[in-house]
Amino acid sequence: MKKTLGTIIVAAAVVLLTATFGFAEYAAAGEAAFPFFQLGMLVVGGLLLVQLKRRYHRMYATEAVGVFALYTVLMALFTNPVIEIVKGIVT
């Protein structure tokens, strides 16, 4: 039961973080410049992380959620709106 509950928590965090990423990128970039590739890679990474959590019993749910949160931030850093903001700050 504990293993299933941890997997459910990780899956819920993956869904929430992915939805937040999608909403933030849509609000920042609009429909024309939406980063579909980054969103796809975020979904694939989330599925992989949920599978790893199911397979390895010694992985804590908080570790998996933290890893996915950092992965989401990394994906967000390499989208066009963030790169344009960094270009504006540097120049």
Protein backbone atom coordinates (compact mmCIF):
# COMPACT_ATOMS: atom_id res chain seq x y z
CA MET A 1 0.00 0.00 0.00
CA LYS A 2 2.83 2.39 0.86
CA LYS A 3 4.49 1.79 -2.52
CA THR A 4 1.23 2.48 -4.38
CA LEU A 5 0.57 5.65 -2.39
CA GLY A 6 4.06 6.95 -3.15
CA THR A 7 3.60 6.24 -6.85
CA ILE A 8 0.24 8.04 -6.85
CA ILE A 9 1.80 11.07 -5.17
CA VAL A 10 4.60 11.18 -7.74
CA ALA A 11 2.13 10.79 -10.62
CA ALA A 12 -0.03 13.62 -9.25
CA ALA A 13 3.01 15.88 -8.91
CA VAL A 14 4.08 15.06 -12.47
CA VAL A 15 0.63 15.94 -13.82
CA LEU A 16 0.45 19.19 -11.82
CA LEU A 17 3.96 20.34 -12.77
CA THR A 18 3.40 19.50 -16.43
CA ALA A 19 0.11 21.40 -16.47
CA THR A 20 1.77 24.37 -14.79
CA PHE A 21 4.55 24.33 -17.37
CA GLY A 22 2.04 24.21 -20.22
CA PHE A 23 -0.05 27.05 -18.81
CA ALA A 24 2.97 29.26 -18.09
CA GLU A 25 4.47 28.73 -21.54
CA TYR A 26 1.13 29.38 -23.24
CA ALA A 27 0.74 32.60 -21.25
CA ALA A 28 4.30 33.72 -21.99
CA ALA A 29 4.72 32.66 -25.63
CA GLY A 30 1.20 32.43 -26.97
CA GLU A 31 -0.21 29.87 -29.32
CA ALA A 32 2.21 30.50 -32.18
CA ALA A 33 5.43 29.86 -30.28
CA PHE A 34 4.30 27.11 -27.90
CA PRO A 35 7.19 24.72 -27.13
CA PHE A 36 5.60 21.39 -28.04
CA PHE A 37 8.93 19.56 -28.06
CA GLN A 38 9.76 20.62 -24.50
CA LEU A 39 6.26 19.66 -23.36
CA GLY A 40 6.64 16.25 -24.98
CA MET A 41 10.00 15.68 -23.35
CA LEU A 42 8.50 16.72 -20.02
CA VAL A 43 5.75 14.13 -20.40
CA VAL A 44 8.24 11.42 -21.37
CA GLY A 45 10.47 12.32 -18.42
CA GLY A 46 7.48 12.19 -16.07
CA LEU A 47 6.42 8.77 -17.32
CA LEU A 48 9.97 7.50 -16.93
CA LEU A 49 10.18 8.86 -13.39
CA VAL A 50 6.87 7.24 -12.38
CA GLN A 51 8.08 3.92 -13.76
CA LEU A 52 11.36 4.22 -11.85
CA LYS A 53 9.43 4.97 -8.68
CA ARG A 54 7.30 1.85 -9.18
CA ARG A 55 10.31 -0.35 -9.85
CA TYR A 56 12.71 0.77 -7.12
CA HIS A 57 11.32 0.53 -3.60
CA ARG A 58 14.08 2.55 -1.96
CA MET A 59 13.28 5.72 -3.92
CA TYR A 60 11.33 8.17 -1.78
CA ALA A 61 8.38 10.08 -3.21
CA THR A 62 9.88 13.40 -2.14
CA GLU A 63 13.07 12.62 -4.05
CA ALA A 64 11.14 11.81 -7.20
CA VAL A 65 9.00 14.95 -6.92
CA GLY A 66 12.11 17.08 -6.34
CA VAL A 67 13.87 15.57 -9.34
CA PHE A 68 10.89 16.24 -11.57
CA ALA A 69 10.55 19.81 -10.29
CA LEU A 70 14.19 20.49 -11.14
CA TYR A 71 13.69 18.83 -14.54
CA THR A 72 10.71 21.11 -15.18
CA VAL A 73 12.76 24.20 -14.31
CA LEU A 74 15.54 23.00 -16.61
CA MET A 75 13.08 22.52 -19.47
CA ALA A 76 11.58 25.95 -18.86
CA LEU A 77 14.99 27.60 -19.00
CA PHE A 78 15.52 26.47 -22.58
CA THR A 79 12.33 27.86 -24.10
CA ASN A 80 12.15 30.93 -26.33
CA PRO A 81 10.44 33.34 -23.88
CA VAL A 82 13.07 32.75 -21.19
CA ILE A 83 15.92 33.03 -23.69
CA GLU A 84 14.47 36.33 -24.98
CA ILE A 85 14.27 37.68 -21.42
CA VAL A 86 17.89 36.69 -20.77
CA LYS A 87 18.95 38.35 -24.03
CA GLY A 88 17.16 41.53 -22.96
CA ILE A 89 18.88 41.51 -19.56
CA VAL A 90 22.32 40.90 -21.01
CA THR A 91 22.14 43.58 -23.72
